[in-house]
Amino acid sequence: MSDLHIRCATPTDIDAVLKFWRTAAEGTSISDDHDGVARLVAHDPEALLLAERDGVLIGTVIAGFDGWRCSAYRLAVAPDCRRQGIATALMASAEQRFAGLGGRRVDAMVLEANERAHHTWDAAGYQREDHWRRWVKPLRG
């Protein structure tokens, strides 16, 4: 894993990240566009973590902290790079960031139908909480 480099995204990475998510991430979000990712990077420049090998993007995670909750989103690894410890390395970086910010617990948004991801999160020590349900309301139509 010594050839793996994890860094924070910059505005120049946005288009590459969006393209990467189309092939490596499950599901889509209302914020999966240039403006949405640009707002994230501008608001919290250390939240979007990128894993690269030889300058090629092979993984992402959004490690968001609002002062109250630590939230992990968009943990994605290139299909041909899975099962190499990249997700583990990304989450270790995210958890280190959260701990440095004073976070106490990490919540992860995981699609119900993405069973492969369920195994990944379980192996990383995360537990599913079935007594919570996500409620959403788009602010624009």
Protein backbone atom coordinates (compact mmCIF):
# COMPACT_ATOMS: atom_id res chain seq x y z
CA MET A 1 0.00 0.00 0.00
CA SER A 2 3.01 2.31 0.05
CA ASP A 3 2.12 3.41 -3.49
CA LEU A 4 -1.28 4.68 -2.32
CA HIS A 5 -1.57 8.43 -1.80
CA ILE A 6 -4.55 9.97 0.01
CA ARG A 7 -5.14 13.68 -0.27
CA CYS A 8 -7.90 16.27 -0.05
CA ALA A 9 -9.69 17.21 -3.25
CA THR A 10 -9.27 20.63 -4.80
CA PRO A 11 -11.60 22.47 -7.18
CA THR A 12 -9.57 21.17 -10.13
CA ASP A 13 -10.52 17.57 -9.15
CA ILE A 14 -14.29 18.04 -9.35
CA ASP A 15 -14.91 16.85 -12.91
CA ALA A 16 -12.65 13.80 -12.44
CA VAL A 17 -14.46 12.92 -9.20
CA LEU A 18 -17.88 13.14 -10.86
CA LYS A 19 -16.69 10.94 -13.73
CA PHE A 20 -15.18 8.47 -11.24
CA TRP A 21 -18.42 8.23 -9.25
CA ARG A 22 -20.34 7.29 -12.41
CA THR A 23 -18.31 4.07 -12.64
CA ALA A 24 -17.28 3.36 -9.04
CA ALA A 25 -20.08 4.61 -6.76
CA GLU A 26 -23.50 3.09 -6.19
CA GLY A 27 -26.56 5.28 -6.56
CA THR A 28 -26.76 8.98 -7.19
CA SER A 29 -27.40 12.04 -5.09
CA ILE A 30 -29.10 15.33 -5.79
CA SER A 31 -25.66 16.90 -5.14
CA ASP A 32 -23.82 14.83 -7.76
CA ASP A 33 -23.06 17.73 -10.04
CA HIS A 34 -20.29 20.27 -10.43
CA ASP A 35 -22.00 22.90 -8.29
CA GLY A 36 -22.75 20.42 -5.49
CA VAL A 37 -19.19 19.12 -5.23
CA ALA A 38 -17.78 22.66 -5.62
CA ARG A 39 -19.87 23.79 -2.64
CA LEU A 40 -18.55 20.90 -0.57
CA VAL A 41 -14.91 21.63 -1.43
CA ALA A 42 -15.36 25.36 -0.81
CA HIS A 43 -17.23 24.85 2.48
CA ASP A 44 -14.90 22.18 3.89
CA PRO A 45 -11.72 21.77 1.85
CA GLU A 46 -10.63 18.72 3.84
CA ALA A 47 -13.88 16.73 3.59
CA LEU A 48 -13.48 15.05 0.20
CA LEU A 49 -10.62 12.58 0.40
CA LEU A 50 -9.14 11.06 -2.75
CA ALA A 51 -7.05 7.90 -3.02
CA GLU A 52 -4.61 7.86 -5.92
CA ARG A 53 -2.09 5.44 -7.29
CA ASP A 54 0.46 6.81 -9.75
CA GLY A 55 -1.67 9.94 -10.06
CA VAL A 56 -4.80 7.98 -11.02
CA LEU A 57 -7.96 8.40 -8.94
CA ILE A 58 -8.95 5.01 -7.50
CA GLY A 59 -11.04 5.87 -4.44
CA THR A 60 -13.03 8.54 -2.62
CA VAL A 61 -14.79 9.21 0.63
CA ILE A 62 -16.53 12.32 1.91
CA ALA A 63 -15.64 12.75 5.58
CA GLY A 64 -18.08 15.46 6.65
CA PHE A 65 -18.20 16.95 10.13
CA ASP A 66 -20.71 19.63 11.08
CA GLY A 67 -19.51 20.09 14.67
CA TRP A 68 -22.07 17.57 15.90
CA ARG A 69 -21.89 14.48 13.68
CA CYS A 70 -19.19 12.74 11.70
CA SER A 71 -20.67 11.46 8.46
CA ALA A 72 -19.12 9.29 5.77
CA TYR A 73 -20.51 9.44 2.24
CA ARG A 74 -19.43 8.33 -1.20
CA LEU A 75 -16.95 5.66 -0.12
CA ALA A 76 -16.11 4.33 -3.57
CA VAL A 77 -13.24 2.32 -5.01
CA ALA A 78 -12.55 1.69 -8.69
CA PRO A 79 -14.00 -1.73 -9.58
CA ASP A 80 -10.63 -3.11 -10.72
CA CYS A 81 -8.94 -1.96 -7.49
CA ARG A 82 -11.32 -3.43 -4.93
CA ARG A 83 -10.25 -5.82 -2.18
CA GLN A 84 -6.82 -4.16 -1.95
CA GLY A 85 -7.35 -2.21 1.28
CA ILE A 86 -8.14 1.10 -0.40
CA ALA A 87 -11.51 1.57 1.33
CA THR A 88 -9.85 0.68 4.63
CA ALA A 89 -7.12 3.27 4.04
CA LEU A 90 -9.67 5.93 3.07
CA MET A 91 -11.76 5.28 6.17
CA ALA A 92 -8.66 5.31 8.39
CA SER A 93 -7.89 8.78 7.00
CA ALA A 94 -11.51 9.86 7.52
CA GLU A 95 -11.56 8.54 11.09
CA GLN A 96 -8.25 10.28 11.83
CA ARG A 97 -9.76 13.53 10.55
CA PHE A 98 -12.88 13.05 12.68
CA ALA A 99 -10.87 12.29 15.81
CA GLY A 100 -8.75 15.40 15.24
CA LEU A 101 -11.93 17.48 15.01
CA GLY A 102 -13.31 16.04 18.26
CA GLY A 103 -15.83 13.70 16.66
CA ARG A 104 -17.30 10.93 18.77
CA ARG A 105 -19.04 8.58 16.33
CA VAL A 106 -19.18 8.09 12.58
CA ASP A 107 -22.43 7.64 10.69
CA ALA A 108 -22.22 6.12 7.22
CA MET A 109 -24.85 6.44 4.51
CA VAL A 110 -25.06 3.03 2.81
CA LEU A 111 -27.60 2.04 0.20
CA GLU A 112 -29.87 -0.75 1.40
CA ALA A 113 -29.46 -2.71 -1.83
CA ASN A 114 -25.66 -2.45 -1.88
CA GLU A 115 -24.88 -5.68 -0.05
CA ARG A 116 -21.20 -5.61 -1.05
CA ALA A 117 -20.91 -2.33 0.84
CA HIS A 118 -22.64 -3.84 3.87
CA HIS A 119 -19.82 -6.39 4.13
CA THR A 120 -17.19 -3.65 3.76
CA TRP A 121 -18.65 -1.53 6.54
CA ASP A 122 -19.17 -4.55 8.80
CA ALA A 123 -15.55 -5.64 8.31
CA ALA A 124 -14.44 -2.11 9.24
CA GLY A 125 -16.23 -2.37 12.61
CA TYR A 126 -19.40 -0.45 11.75
CA GLN A 127 -22.77 -1.69 12.94
CA ARG A 128 -26.11 -1.25 11.27
CA GLU A 129 -28.74 0.60 13.29
CA ASP A 130 -32.14 -0.65 12.19
CA HIS A 131 -34.07 1.59 14.59
CA TRP A 132 -33.25 4.71 12.53
CA ARG A 133 -34.78 5.65 9.21
CA ARG A 134 -33.60 8.45 6.93
CA TRP A 135 -36.16 11.13 6.03
CA VAL A 136 -35.43 13.50 3.17
CA LYS A 137 -36.96 16.49 1.44
CA PRO A 138 -35.34 17.93 -1.68
CA LEU A 139 -35.07 21.71 -1.49
CA ARG A 140 -35.35 22.15 -5.22
CA GLY A 141 -37.40 20.35 -7.79
